[in-house]
Amino acid sequence: MYEISVREHFDAAHALRGYRGKCENLHGHRYEVVVNLRYNKLDDIGLACDFAVVKKHLRKVLSRFDHVSLNDIVPFDGINPSAENIAAKIYEELHKRELPIFTVQVYESPDTWVTYKPGK
């Protein structure tokens, strides 16, 4: 089993609805996103996948989150733009592209992050 990881980032603002504390106010993050994919075998040239292909898909998904107020865009206009919900949405979008996504990690800071892995 091979686990491949790709990291990208985006900058965005958000406010957590219903939260009691500083994060209920509009504030920003440089979100780091790490996508982990799993492959059972290598191709004919010894690669599990082409990093460039994964990066292209991830950049496309993240482009709509970059430099916006997340609370103003779908689906976060209806659900909280928490790191948990962001990770789940990124997973869903990449899964639609038929990538073998295992987990998605979203870092709000170097010290705080969430890992999303769908349950069965």
PDB file of N, CA and C in Angstrom:
ATOM      1  N   MET A   1       0.860  -1.181   0.000  1.00  0.00           N
ATOM      2  CA  MET A   1       0.000   0.000   0.000  1.00  0.00           C
ATOM      3  C   MET A   1       0.897   1.232   0.000  1.00  0.00           C
ATOM      4  N   TYR A   2       0.558   2.177  -0.852  1.00  0.00           N
ATOM      5  CA  TYR A   2       1.274   3.438  -0.932  1.00  0.00           C
ATOM      6  C   TYR A   2       0.325   4.557  -0.536  1.00  0.00           C
ATOM      7  N   GLU A   3       0.792   5.428   0.342  1.00  0.00           N
ATOM      8  CA  GLU A   3       0.014   6.599   0.711  1.00  0.00           C
ATOM      9  C   GLU A   3       0.752   7.826   0.195  1.00  0.00           C
ATOM     10  N   ILE A   4       0.064   8.564  -0.650  1.00  0.00           N
ATOM     11  CA  ILE A   4       0.619   9.753  -1.291  1.00  0.00           C
ATOM     12  C   ILE A   4      -0.012  10.976  -0.635  1.00  0.00           C
ATOM     13  N   SER A   5       0.792  11.992  -0.358  1.00  0.00           N
ATOM     14  CA  SER A   5       0.273  13.214   0.259  1.00  0.00           C
ATOM     15  C   SER A   5       0.637  14.428  -0.586  1.00  0.00           C
ATOM     16  N   VAL A   6      -0.321  15.335  -0.711  1.00  0.00           N
ATOM     17  CA  VAL A   6      -0.123  16.590  -1.429  1.00  0.00           C
ATOM     18  C   VAL A   6      -0.620  17.711  -0.542  1.00  0.00           C
ATOM     19  N   ARG A   7       0.164  18.789  -0.464  1.00  0.00           N
ATOM     20  CA  ARG A   7      -0.175  19.933   0.390  1.00  0.00           C
ATOM     21  C   ARG A   7      -0.351  21.189  -0.463  1.00  0.00           C
ATOM     22  N   GLU A   8      -1.394  21.935  -0.153  1.00  0.00           N
ATOM     23  CA  GLU A   8      -1.648  23.237  -0.773  1.00  0.00           C
ATOM     24  C   GLU A   8      -2.187  24.152   0.315  1.00  0.00           C
ATOM     25  N   HIS A   9      -2.402  25.412  -0.006  1.00  0.00           N
ATOM     26  CA  HIS A   9      -2.971  26.341   0.973  1.00  0.00           C
ATOM     27  C   HIS A   9      -3.922  27.313   0.283  1.00  0.00           C
ATOM     28  N   PHE A  10      -4.735  27.944   1.100  1.00  0.00           N
ATOM     29  CA  PHE A  10      -5.561  29.055   0.646  1.00  0.00           C
ATOM     30  C   PHE A  10      -5.759  30.000   1.816  1.00  0.00           C
ATOM     31  N   ASP A  11      -6.036  31.254   1.504  1.00  0.00           N
ATOM     32  CA  ASP A  11      -6.278  32.275   2.513  1.00  0.00           C
ATOM     33  C   ASP A  11      -7.745  32.658   2.473  1.00  0.00           C
ATOM     34  N   ALA A  12      -8.386  32.678   3.637  1.00  0.00           N
ATOM     35  CA  ALA A  12      -9.809  33.015   3.682  1.00  0.00           C
ATOM     36  C   ALA A  12     -10.179  33.532   5.061  1.00  0.00           C
ATOM     37  N   ALA A  13     -11.318  34.202   5.090  1.00  0.00           N
ATOM     38  CA  ALA A  13     -11.894  34.669   6.351  1.00  0.00           C
ATOM     39  C   ALA A  13     -13.115  33.823   6.673  1.00  0.00           C
ATOM     40  N   HIS A  14     -13.446  33.755   7.956  1.00  0.00           N
ATOM     41  CA  HIS A  14     -14.677  33.095   8.382  1.00  0.00           C
ATOM     42  C   HIS A  14     -15.049  33.559   9.780  1.00  0.00           C
ATOM     43  N   ALA A  15     -16.290  33.292  10.126  1.00  0.00           N
ATOM     44  CA  ALA A  15     -16.792  33.529  11.482  1.00  0.00           C
ATOM     45  C   ALA A  15     -17.638  32.315  11.836  1.00  0.00           C
ATOM     46  N   LEU A  16     -17.490  31.820  13.046  1.00  0.00           N
ATOM     47  CA  LEU A  16     -18.244  30.633  13.461  1.00  0.00           C
ATOM     48  C   LEU A  16     -19.556  31.050  14.118  1.00  0.00           C
ATOM     49  N   ARG A  17     -20.650  30.747  13.456  1.00  0.00           N
ATOM     50  CA  ARG A  17     -21.975  31.069  13.983  1.00  0.00           C
ATOM     51  C   ARG A  17     -22.261  30.219  15.217  1.00  0.00           C
ATOM     52  N   GLY A  18     -22.792  30.852  16.254  1.00  0.00           N
ATOM     53  CA  GLY A  18     -23.157  30.123  17.466  1.00  0.00           C
ATOM     54  C   GLY A  18     -22.008  29.846  18.416  1.00  0.00           C
ATOM     55  N   TYR A  19     -20.800  30.190  18.035  1.00  0.00           N
ATOM     56  CA  TYR A  19     -19.630  29.997  18.875  1.00  0.00           C
ATOM     57  C   TYR A  19     -19.554  31.136  19.892  1.00  0.00           C
ATOM     58  N   ARG A  20     -19.172  30.835  21.090  1.00  0.00           N
ATOM     59  CA  ARG A  20     -19.017  31.870  22.119  1.00  0.00           C
ATOM     60  C   ARG A  20     -17.530  32.086  22.362  1.00  0.00           C
ATOM     61  N   GLY A  21     -17.003  33.151  21.816  1.00  0.00           N
ATOM     62  CA  GLY A  21     -15.582  33.446  21.960  1.00  0.00           C
ATOM     63  C   GLY A  21     -15.100  34.246  20.764  1.00  0.00           C
ATOM     64  N   LYS A  22     -13.779  34.425  20.677  1.00  0.00           N
ATOM     65  CA  LYS A  22     -13.205  35.270  19.630  1.00  0.00           C
ATOM     66  C   LYS A  22     -13.549  34.790  18.221  1.00  0.00           C
ATOM     67  N   CYS A  23     -13.699  33.497  18.037  1.00  0.00           N
ATOM     68  CA  CYS A  23     -13.918  32.961  16.688  1.00  0.00           C
ATOM     69  C   CYS A  23     -15.324  33.221  16.143  1.00  0.00           C
ATOM     70  N   GLU A  24     -16.195  33.808  16.975  1.00  0.00           N
ATOM     71  CA  GLU A  24     -17.509  34.199  16.441  1.00  0.00           C
ATOM     72  C   GLU A  24     -17.386  35.468  15.603  1.00  0.00           C
ATOM     73  N   ASN A  25     -16.280  36.179  15.756  1.00  0.00           N
ATOM     74  CA  ASN A  25     -16.022  37.387  14.965  1.00  0.00           C
ATOM     75  C   ASN A  25     -15.289  37.012  13.679  1.00  0.00           C
ATOM     76  N   LEU A  26     -15.505  37.790  12.644  1.00  0.00           N
ATOM     77  CA  LEU A  26     -14.832  37.555  11.382  1.00  0.00           C
ATOM     78  C   LEU A  26     -13.316  37.638  11.587  1.00  0.00           C
ATOM     79  N   HIS A  27     -12.612  36.623  11.113  1.00  0.00           N
ATOM     80  CA  HIS A  27     -11.150  36.575  11.211  1.00  0.00           C
ATOM     81  C   HIS A  27     -10.621  35.710  10.076  1.00  0.00           C
ATOM     82  N   GLY A  28      -9.326  35.748   9.862  1.00  0.00           N
ATOM     83  CA  GLY A  28      -8.749  35.025   8.735  1.00  0.00           C
ATOM     84  C   GLY A  28      -7.726  33.981   9.126  1.00  0.00           C
ATOM     85  N   HIS A  29      -7.490  33.078   8.184  1.00  0.00           N
ATOM     86  CA  HIS A  29      -6.487  32.028   8.331  1.00  0.00           C
ATOM     87  C   HIS A  29      -5.777  31.817   7.002  1.00  0.00           C
ATOM     88  N   ARG A  30      -4.558  31.348   7.082  1.00  0.00           N
ATOM     89  CA  ARG A  30      -3.918  30.713   5.929  1.00  0.00           C
ATOM     90  C   ARG A  30      -4.113  29.227   6.179  1.00  0.00           C
ATOM     91  N   TYR A  31      -5.098  28.670   5.523  1.00  0.00           N
ATOM     92  CA  TYR A  31      -5.418  27.246   5.684  1.00  0.00           C
ATOM     93  C   TYR A  31      -4.427  26.406   4.893  1.00  0.00           C
ATOM     94  N   GLU A  32      -3.860  25.419   5.546  1.00  0.00           N
ATOM     95  CA  GLU A  32      -3.032  24.425   4.872  1.00  0.00           C
ATOM     96  C   GLU A  32      -3.903  23.188   4.712  1.00  0.00           C
ATOM     97  N   VAL A  33      -3.877  22.603   3.531  1.00  0.00           N
ATOM     98  CA  VAL A  33      -4.678  21.420   3.243  1.00  0.00           C
ATOM     99  C   VAL A  33      -3.742  20.318   2.782  1.00  0.00           C
ATOM    100  N   VAL A  34      -3.843  19.157   3.439  1.00  0.00           N
ATOM    101  CA  VAL A  34      -3.062  17.988   3.043  1.00  0.00           C
ATOM    102  C   VAL A  34      -4.054  16.899   2.648  1.00  0.00           C
ATOM    103  N   VAL A  35      -3.903  16.426   1.428  1.00  0.00           N
ATOM    104  CA  VAL A  35      -4.742  15.361   0.910  1.00  0.00           C
ATOM    105  C   VAL A  35      -3.906  14.094   0.852  1.00  0.00           C
ATOM    106  N   ASN A  36      -4.442  13.019   1.421  1.00  0.00           N
ATOM    107  CA  ASN A  36      -3.750  11.734   1.431  1.00  0.00           C
ATOM    108  C   ASN A  36      -4.535  10.747   0.574  1.00  0.00           C
ATOM    109  N   LEU A  37      -3.841  10.129  -0.364  1.00  0.00           N
ATOM    110  CA  LEU A  37      -4.449   9.166  -1.276  1.00  0.00           C
ATOM    111  C   LEU A  37      -3.790   7.813  -1.058  1.00  0.00           C
ATOM    112  N   ARG A  38      -4.530   6.744  -1.312  1.00  0.00           N
ATOM    113  CA  ARG A  38      -3.978   5.399  -1.159  1.00  0.00           C
ATOM    114  C   ARG A  38      -4.041   4.647  -2.483  1.00  0.00           C
ATOM    115  N   TYR A  39      -2.932   3.991  -2.788  1.00  0.00           N
ATOM    116  CA  TYR A  39      -2.820   3.178  -3.997  1.00  0.00           C
ATOM    117  C   TYR A  39      -2.270   1.816  -3.613  1.00  0.00           C
ATOM    118  N   ASN A  40      -2.768   0.780  -4.261  1.00  0.00           N
ATOM    119  CA  ASN A  40      -2.310  -0.579  -3.985  1.00  0.00           C
ATOM    120  C   ASN A  40      -1.087  -0.971  -4.785  1.00  0.00           C
ATOM    121  N   LYS A  41      -0.888  -0.319  -5.929  1.00  0.00           N
ATOM    122  CA  LYS A  41       0.245  -0.716  -6.777  1.00  0.00           C
ATOM    123  C   LYS A  41       0.794   0.479  -7.522  1.00  0.00           C
ATOM    124  N   LEU A  42       1.940   0.255  -8.131  1.00  0.00           N
ATOM    125  CA  LEU A  42       2.608   1.266  -8.931  1.00  0.00           C
ATOM    126  C   LEU A  42       2.304   1.046 -10.401  1.00  0.00           C
ATOM    127  N   ASP A  43       2.443   2.115 -11.182  1.00  0.00           N
ATOM    128  CA  ASP A  43       2.242   1.964 -12.619  1.00  0.00           C
ATOM    129  C   ASP A  43       3.515   1.422 -13.268  1.00  0.00           C
ATOM    130  N   ASP A  44       3.534   1.384 -14.586  1.00  0.00           N
ATOM    131  CA  ASP A  44       4.651   0.789 -15.321  1.00  0.00           C
ATOM    132  C   ASP A  44       5.980   1.500 -15.121  1.00  0.00           C
ATOM    133  N   ILE A  45       5.934   2.775 -14.724  1.00  0.00           N
ATOM    134  CA  ILE A  45       7.195   3.500 -14.520  1.00  0.00           C
ATOM    135  C   ILE A  45       7.545   3.668 -13.038  1.00  0.00           C
ATOM    136  N   GLY A  46       6.781   2.994 -12.174  1.00  0.00           N
ATOM    137  CA  GLY A  46       7.106   3.003 -10.751  1.00  0.00           C
ATOM    138  C   GLY A  46       6.468   4.105  -9.940  1.00  0.00           C
ATOM    139  N   LEU A  47       5.375   4.692 -10.434  1.00  0.00           N
ATOM    140  CA  LEU A  47       4.669   5.745  -9.706  1.00  0.00           C
ATOM    141  C   LEU A  47       3.310   5.246  -9.237  1.00  0.00           C
ATOM    142  N   ALA A  48       2.946   5.663  -8.039  1.00  0.00           N
ATOM    143  CA  ALA A  48       1.579   5.392  -7.574  1.00  0.00           C
ATOM    144  C   ALA A  48       0.626   6.359  -8.259  1.00  0.00           C
ATOM    145  N   CYS A  49       1.048   7.613  -8.408  1.00  0.00           N
ATOM    146  CA  CYS A  49       0.276   8.624  -9.121  1.00  0.00           C
ATOM    147  C   CYS A  49       1.209   9.765  -9.481  1.00  0.00           C
ATOM    148  N   ASP A  50       0.717  10.643 -10.301  1.00  0.00           N
ATOM    149  CA  ASP A  50       1.470  11.828 -10.688  1.00  0.00           C
ATOM    150  C   ASP A  50       1.080  12.954  -9.726  1.00  0.00           C
ATOM    151  N   PHE A  51       2.022  13.425  -8.921  1.00  0.00           N
ATOM    152  CA  PHE A  51       1.744  14.511  -7.976  1.00  0.00           C
ATOM    153  C   PHE A  51       1.116  15.710  -8.676  1.00  0.00           C
ATOM    154  N   ALA A  52       1.585  16.005  -9.889  1.00  0.00           N
ATOM    155  CA  ALA A  52       1.090  17.178 -10.613  1.00  0.00           C
ATOM    156  C   ALA A  52      -0.406  17.068 -10.900  1.00  0.00           C
ATOM    157  N   VAL A  53      -0.885  15.874 -11.184  1.00  0.00           N
ATOM    158  CA  VAL A  53      -2.316  15.674 -11.448  1.00  0.00           C
ATOM    159  C   VAL A  53      -3.126  15.924 -10.180  1.00  0.00           C
ATOM    160  N   VAL A  54      -2.652  15.403  -9.063  1.00  0.00           N
ATOM    161  CA  VAL A  54      -3.354  15.595  -7.791  1.00  0.00           C
ATOM    162  C   VAL A  54      -3.354  17.075  -7.423  1.00  0.00           C
ATOM    163  N   LYS A  55      -2.204  17.742  -7.560  1.00  0.00           N
ATOM    164  CA  LYS A  55      -2.120  19.178  -7.253  1.00  0.00           C
ATOM    165  C   LYS A  55      -3.088  19.983  -8.113  1.00  0.00           C
ATOM    166  N   LYS A  56      -3.208  19.634  -9.386  1.00  0.00           N
ATOM    167  CA  LYS A  56      -4.114  20.346 -10.280  1.00  0.00           C
ATOM    168  C   LYS A  56      -5.556  20.247  -9.782  1.00  0.00           C
ATOM    169  N   HIS A  57      -5.981  19.043  -9.408  1.00  0.00           N
ATOM    170  CA  HIS A  57      -7.336  18.853  -8.896  1.00  0.00           C
ATOM    171  C   HIS A  57      -7.537  19.604  -7.583  1.00  0.00           C
ATOM    172  N   LEU A  58      -6.566  19.511  -6.677  1.00  0.00           N
ATOM    173  CA  LEU A  58      -6.688  20.172  -5.390  1.00  0.00           C
ATOM    174  C   LEU A  58      -6.734  21.694  -5.557  1.00  0.00           C
ATOM    175  N   ARG A  59      -5.880  22.232  -6.391  1.00  0.00           N
ATOM    176  CA  ARG A  59      -5.886  23.689  -6.631  1.00  0.00           C
ATOM    177  C   ARG A  59      -7.224  24.149  -7.184  1.00  0.00           C
ATOM    178  N   LYS A  60      -7.809  23.354  -8.076  1.00  0.00           N
ATOM    179  CA  LYS A  60      -9.110  23.709  -8.646  1.00  0.00           C
ATOM    180  C   LYS A  60     -10.179  23.763  -7.558  1.00  0.00           C
ATOM    181  N   VAL A  61     -10.197  22.767  -6.680  1.00  0.00           N
ATOM    182  CA  VAL A  61     -11.179  22.733  -5.586  1.00  0.00           C
ATOM    183  C   VAL A  61     -10.966  23.924  -4.657  1.00  0.00           C
ATOM    184  N   LEU A  62      -9.724  24.205  -4.289  1.00  0.00           N
ATOM    185  CA  LEU A  62      -9.430  25.265  -3.324  1.00  0.00           C
ATOM    186  C   LEU A  62      -9.589  26.667  -3.913  1.00  0.00           C
ATOM    187  N   SER A  63      -9.554  26.795  -5.222  1.00  0.00           N
ATOM    188  CA  SER A  63      -9.591  28.128  -5.838  1.00  0.00           C
ATOM    189  C   SER A  63     -10.858  28.896  -5.464  1.00  0.00           C
ATOM    190  N   ARG A  64     -11.966  28.220  -5.261  1.00  0.00           N
ATOM    191  CA  ARG A  64     -13.197  28.945  -4.906  1.00  0.00           C
ATOM    192  C   ARG A  64     -13.238  29.365  -3.442  1.00  0.00           C
ATOM    193  N   PHE A  65     -12.334  28.822  -2.616  1.00  0.00           N
ATOM    194  CA  PHE A  65     -12.253  29.198  -1.206  1.00  0.00           C
ATOM    195  C   PHE A  65     -11.245  30.324  -0.962  1.00  0.00           C
ATOM    196  N   ASP A  66     -10.374  30.581  -1.930  1.00  0.00           N
ATOM    197  CA  ASP A  66      -9.248  31.480  -1.722  1.00  0.00           C
ATOM    198  C   ASP A  66      -9.665  32.951  -1.755  1.00  0.00           C
ATOM    199  N   HIS A  67      -9.240  33.688  -0.731  1.00  0.00           N
ATOM    200  CA  HIS A  67      -9.468  35.131  -0.600  1.00  0.00           C
ATOM    201  C   HIS A  67     -10.943  35.516  -0.649  1.00  0.00           C
ATOM    202  N   VAL A  68     -11.754  34.751   0.079  1.00  0.00           N
ATOM    203  CA  VAL A  68     -13.177  35.068   0.229  1.00  0.00           C
ATOM    204  C   VAL A  68     -13.537  34.964   1.706  1.00  0.00           C
ATOM    205  N   SER A  69     -14.710  35.450   2.020  1.00  0.00           N
ATOM    206  CA  SER A  69     -15.299  35.158   3.323  1.00  0.00           C
ATOM    207  C   SER A  69     -16.087  33.873   3.139  1.00  0.00           C
ATOM    208  N   LEU A  70     -15.635  32.811   3.754  1.00  0.00           N
ATOM    209  CA  LEU A  70     -16.255  31.503   3.554  1.00  0.00           C
ATOM    210  C   LEU A  70     -17.742  31.506   3.898  1.00  0.00           C
ATOM    211  N   ASN A  71     -18.145  32.327   4.858  1.00  0.00           N
ATOM    212  CA  ASN A  71     -19.552  32.400   5.250  1.00  0.00           C
ATOM    213  C   ASN A  71     -20.455  32.843   4.100  1.00  0.00           C
ATOM    214  N   ASP A  72     -19.873  33.451   3.080  1.00  0.00           N
ATOM    215  CA  ASP A  72     -20.659  33.995   1.970  1.00  0.00           C
ATOM    216  C   ASP A  72     -20.810  33.047   0.787  1.00  0.00           C
ATOM    217  N   ILE A  73     -20.137  31.880   0.818  1.00  0.00           N
ATOM    218  CA  ILE A  73     -20.210  30.979  -0.337  1.00  0.00           C
ATOM    219  C   ILE A  73     -20.863  29.655   0.052  1.00  0.00           C
ATOM    220  N   VAL A  74     -21.452  28.997  -0.946  1.00  0.00           N
ATOM    221  CA  VAL A  74     -22.052  27.678  -0.766  1.00  0.00           C
ATOM    222  C   VAL A  74     -20.943  26.677  -0.494  1.00  0.00           C
ATOM    223  N   PRO A  75     -21.074  25.771   0.447  1.00  0.00           N
ATOM    224  CA  PRO A  75     -22.212  25.486   1.305  1.00  0.00           C
ATOM    225  C   PRO A  75     -22.147  26.214   2.645  1.00  0.00           C
ATOM    226  N   PHE A  76     -21.106  27.044   2.827  1.00  0.00           N
ATOM    227  CA  PHE A  76     -20.869  27.648   4.137  1.00  0.00           C
ATOM    228  C   PHE A  76     -21.787  28.821   4.439  1.00  0.00           C
ATOM    229  N   ASP A  77     -22.615  29.173   3.477  1.00  0.00           N
ATOM    230  CA  ASP A  77     -23.659  30.154   3.765  1.00  0.00           C
ATOM    231  C   ASP A  77     -24.793  29.500   4.553  1.00  0.00           C
ATOM    232  N   GLY A  78     -24.783  28.153   4.594  1.00  0.00           N
ATOM    233  CA  GLY A  78     -25.806  27.419   5.323  1.00  0.00           C
ATOM    234  C   GLY A  78     -25.279  26.577   6.471  1.00  0.00           C
ATOM    235  N   ILE A  79     -23.986  26.241   6.433  1.00  0.00           N
ATOM    236  CA  ILE A  79     -23.354  25.493   7.528  1.00  0.00           C
ATOM    237  C   ILE A  79     -22.126  26.262   7.981  1.00  0.00           C
ATOM    238  N   ASN A  80     -21.703  26.014   9.202  1.00  0.00           N
ATOM    239  CA  ASN A  80     -20.534  26.718   9.723  1.00  0.00           C
ATOM    240  C   ASN A  80     -19.285  26.381   8.911  1.00  0.00           C
ATOM    241  N   PRO A  81     -18.469  27.379   8.595  1.00  0.00           N
ATOM    242  CA  PRO A  81     -17.220  27.126   7.897  1.00  0.00           C
ATOM    243  C   PRO A  81     -16.114  26.708   8.878  1.00  0.00           C
ATOM    244  N   SER A  82     -16.401  25.665   9.625  1.00  0.00           N
ATOM    245  CA  SER A  82     -15.412  25.116  10.566  1.00  0.00           C
ATOM    246  C   SER A  82     -14.372  24.317   9.791  1.00  0.00           C
ATOM    247  N   ALA A  83     -13.239  24.090  10.390  1.00  0.00           N
ATOM    248  CA  ALA A  83     -12.217  23.257   9.754  1.00  0.00           C
ATOM    249  C   ALA A  83     -12.784  21.878   9.440  1.00  0.00           C
ATOM    250  N   GLU A  84     -13.645  21.371  10.319  1.00  0.00           N
ATOM    251  CA  GLU A  84     -14.260  20.060  10.106  1.00  0.00           C
ATOM    252  C   GLU A  84     -15.106  20.043   8.834  1.00  0.00           C
ATOM    253  N   ASN A  85     -15.960  21.069   8.681  1.00  0.00           N
ATOM    254  CA  ASN A  85     -16.821  21.133   7.495  1.00  0.00           C
ATOM    255  C   ASN A  85     -16.030  21.427   6.231  1.00  0.00           C
ATOM    256  N   ILE A  86     -14.992  22.229   6.342  1.00  0.00           N
ATOM    257  CA  ILE A  86     -14.137  22.507   5.185  1.00  0.00           C
ATOM    258  C   ILE A  86     -13.468  21.221   4.708  1.00  0.00           C
ATOM    259  N   ALA A  87     -12.921  20.443   5.633  1.00  0.00           N
ATOM    260  CA  ALA A  87     -12.252  19.190   5.280  1.00  0.00           C
ATOM    261  C   ALA A  87     -13.221  18.225   4.605  1.00  0.00           C
ATOM    262  N   ALA A  88     -14.433  18.107   5.135  1.00  0.00           N
ATOM    263  CA  ALA A  88     -15.424  17.202   4.546  1.00  0.00           C
ATOM    264  C   ALA A  88     -15.794  17.645   3.135  1.00  0.00           C
ATOM    265  N   LYS A  89     -15.940  18.949   2.923  1.00  0.00           N
ATOM    266  CA  LYS A  89     -16.304  19.463   1.599  1.00  0.00           C
ATOM    267  C   LYS A  89     -15.186  19.217   0.597  1.00  0.00           C
ATOM    268  N   ILE A  90     -13.949  19.439   1.002  1.00  0.00           N
ATOM    269  CA  ILE A  90     -12.818  19.183   0.113  1.00  0.00           C
ATOM    270  C   ILE A  90     -12.779  17.702  -0.251  1.00  0.00           C
ATOM    271  N   TYR A  91     -12.986  16.843   0.735  1.00  0.00           N
ATOM    272  CA  TYR A  91     -13.022  15.395   0.469  1.00  0.00           C
ATOM    273  C   TYR A  91     -14.087  15.079  -0.578  1.00  0.00           C
ATOM    274  N   GLU A  92     -15.292  15.590  -0.375  1.00  0.00           N
ATOM    275  CA  GLU A  92     -16.398  15.322  -1.303  1.00  0.00           C
ATOM    276  C   GLU A  92     -16.062  15.761  -2.717  1.00  0.00           C
ATOM    277  N   GLU A  93     -15.500  16.947  -2.853  1.00  0.00           N
ATOM    278  CA  GLU A  93     -15.178  17.478  -4.173  1.00  0.00           C
ATOM    279  C   GLU A  93     -14.094  16.647  -4.872  1.00  0.00           C
ATOM    280  N   LEU A  94     -13.080  16.221  -4.132  1.00  0.00           N
ATOM    281  CA  LEU A  94     -12.022  15.404  -4.732  1.00  0.00           C
ATOM    282  C   LEU A  94     -12.513  13.992  -5.029  1.00  0.00           C
ATOM    283  N   HIS A  95     -13.370  13.472  -4.180  1.00  0.00           N
ATOM    284  CA  HIS A  95     -13.933  12.138  -4.404  1.00  0.00           C
ATOM    285  C   HIS A  95     -14.738  12.112  -5.709  1.00  0.00           C
ATOM    286  N   LYS A  96     -15.451  13.187  -6.009  1.00  0.00           N
ATOM    287  CA  LYS A  96     -16.203  13.296  -7.272  1.00  0.00           C
ATOM    288  C   LYS A  96     -15.282  13.205  -8.483  1.00  0.00           C
ATOM    289  N   ARG A  97     -14.031  13.565  -8.303  1.00  0.00           N
ATOM    290  CA  ARG A  97     -13.055  13.530  -9.394  1.00  0.00           C
ATOM    291  C   ARG A  97     -12.392  12.156  -9.506  1.00  0.00           C
ATOM    292  N   GLU A  98     -12.940  11.202  -8.769  1.00  0.00           N
ATOM    293  CA  GLU A  98     -12.507   9.800  -8.811  1.00  0.00           C
ATOM    294  C   GLU A  98     -11.049   9.600  -8.402  1.00  0.00           C
ATOM    295  N   LEU A  99     -10.605  10.405  -7.450  1.00  0.00           N
ATOM    296  CA  LEU A  99      -9.290  10.206  -6.851  1.00  0.00           C
ATOM    297  C   LEU A  99      -9.450   9.300  -5.636  1.00  0.00           C
ATOM    298  N   PRO A 100      -8.502   8.408  -5.382  1.00  0.00           N
ATOM    299  CA  PRO A 100      -8.614   7.494  -4.233  1.00  0.00           C
ATOM    300  C   PRO A 100      -8.243   8.190  -2.913  1.00  0.00           C
ATOM    301  N   ILE A 101      -9.068   9.143  -2.518  1.00  0.00           N
ATOM    302  CA  ILE A 101      -8.811   9.941  -1.322  1.00  0.00           C
ATOM    303  C   ILE A 101      -8.999   9.076  -0.079  1.00  0.00           C
ATOM    304  N   PHE A 102      -8.021   9.136   0.810  1.00  0.00           N
ATOM    305  CA  PHE A 102      -8.112   8.439   2.088  1.00  0.00           C
ATOM    306  C   PHE A 102      -8.500   9.422   3.188  1.00  0.00           C
ATOM    307  N   THR A 103      -7.744  10.500   3.327  1.00  0.00           N
ATOM    308  CA  THR A 103      -8.061  11.519   4.325  1.00  0.00           C
ATOM    309  C   THR A 103      -7.757  12.906   3.764  1.00  0.00           C
ATOM    310  N   VAL A 104      -8.387  13.899   4.393  1.00  0.00           N
ATOM    311  CA  VAL A 104      -8.092  15.305   4.119  1.00  0.00           C
ATOM    312  C   VAL A 104      -7.824  15.966   5.464  1.00  0.00           C
ATOM    313  N   GLN A 105      -6.709  16.660   5.552  1.00  0.00           N
ATOM    314  CA  GLN A 105      -6.365  17.418   6.758  1.00  0.00           C
ATOM    315  C   GLN A 105      -6.451  18.904   6.430  1.00  0.00           C
ATOM    316  N   VAL A 106      -7.079  19.653   7.314  1.00  0.00           N
ATOM    317  CA  VAL A 106      -7.161  21.103   7.176  1.00  0.00           C
ATOM    318  C   VAL A 106      -6.557  21.716   8.431  1.00  0.00           C
ATOM    319  N   TYR A 107      -5.492  22.491   8.242  1.00  0.00           N
ATOM    320  CA  TYR A 107      -4.796  23.183   9.327  1.00  0.00           C
ATOM    321  C   TYR A 107      -5.264  24.623   9.364  1.00  0.00           C
ATOM    322  N   GLU A 108      -5.765  25.059  10.517  1.00  0.00           N
ATOM    323  CA  GLU A 108      -6.058  26.483  10.711  1.00  0.00           C
ATOM    324  C   GLU A 108      -4.815  27.222  11.176  1.00  0.00           C
ATOM    325  N   SER A 109      -3.917  26.503  11.806  1.00  0.00           N
ATOM    326  CA  SER A 109      -2.642  27.050  12.249  1.00  0.00           C
ATOM    327  C   SER A 109      -1.667  25.884  12.323  1.00  0.00           C
ATOM    328  N   PRO A 110      -0.380  26.149  12.544  1.00  0.00           N
ATOM    329  CA  PRO A 110       0.566  25.038  12.674  1.00  0.00           C
ATOM    330  C   PRO A 110       0.249  24.110  13.851  1.00  0.00           C
ATOM    331  N   ASP A 111      -0.525  24.610  14.819  1.00  0.00           N
ATOM    332  CA  ASP A 111      -0.813  23.837  16.029  1.00  0.00           C
ATOM    333  C   ASP A 111      -2.212  23.242  16.080  1.00  0.00           C
ATOM    334  N   THR A 112      -3.085  23.596  15.125  1.00  0.00           N
ATOM    335  CA  THR A 112      -4.467  23.119  15.179  1.00  0.00           C
ATOM    336  C   THR A 112      -4.932  22.672  13.798  1.00  0.00           C
ATOM    337  N   TRP A 113      -5.456  21.454  13.739  1.00  0.00           N
ATOM    338  CA  TRP A 113      -5.942  20.916  12.483  1.00  0.00           C
ATOM    339  C   TRP A 113      -6.960  19.819  12.740  1.00  0.00           C
ATOM    340  N   VAL A 114      -7.657  19.459  11.678  1.00  0.00           N
ATOM    341  CA  VAL A 114      -8.634  18.386  11.715  1.00  0.00           C
ATOM    342  C   VAL A 114      -8.301  17.424  10.574  1.00  0.00           C
ATOM    343  N   THR A 115      -8.543  16.156  10.817  1.00  0.00           N
ATOM    344  CA  THR A 115      -8.412  15.138   9.770  1.00  0.00           C
ATOM    345  C   THR A 115      -9.788  14.548   9.508  1.00  0.00           C
ATOM    346  N   TYR A 116     -10.200  14.573   8.250  1.00  0.00           N
ATOM    347  CA  TYR A 116     -11.489  13.997   7.868  1.00  0.00           C
ATOM    348  C   TYR A 116     -11.263  12.704   7.099  1.00  0.00           C
ATOM    349  N   LYS A 117     -11.938  11.681   7.544  1.00  0.00           N
ATOM    350  CA  LYS A 117     -11.950  10.369   6.880  1.00  0.00           C
ATOM    351  C   LYS A 117     -13.380   9.875   7.000  1.00  0.00           C
ATOM    352  N   PRO A 118     -14.052   9.653   5.871  1.00  0.00           N
ATOM    353  CA  PRO A 118     -15.463   9.261   5.963  1.00  0.00           C
ATOM    354  C   PRO A 118     -15.644   7.936   6.677  1.00  0.00           C
ATOM    355  N   GLY A 119     -16.703   7.858   7.468  1.00  0.00           N
ATOM    356  CA  GLY A 119     -17.031   6.615   8.164  1.00  0.00           C
ATOM    357  C   GLY A 119     -17.870   5.723   7.271  1.00  0.00           C
ATOM    358  N   LYS A 120     -17.980   4.508   7.685  1.00  0.00           N
ATOM    359  CA  LYS A 120     -18.805   3.562   6.914  1.00  0.00           C
ATOM    360  C   LYS A 120     -20.138   3.388   7.550  1.00  0.00           C
TER     361      LYS A 120
END
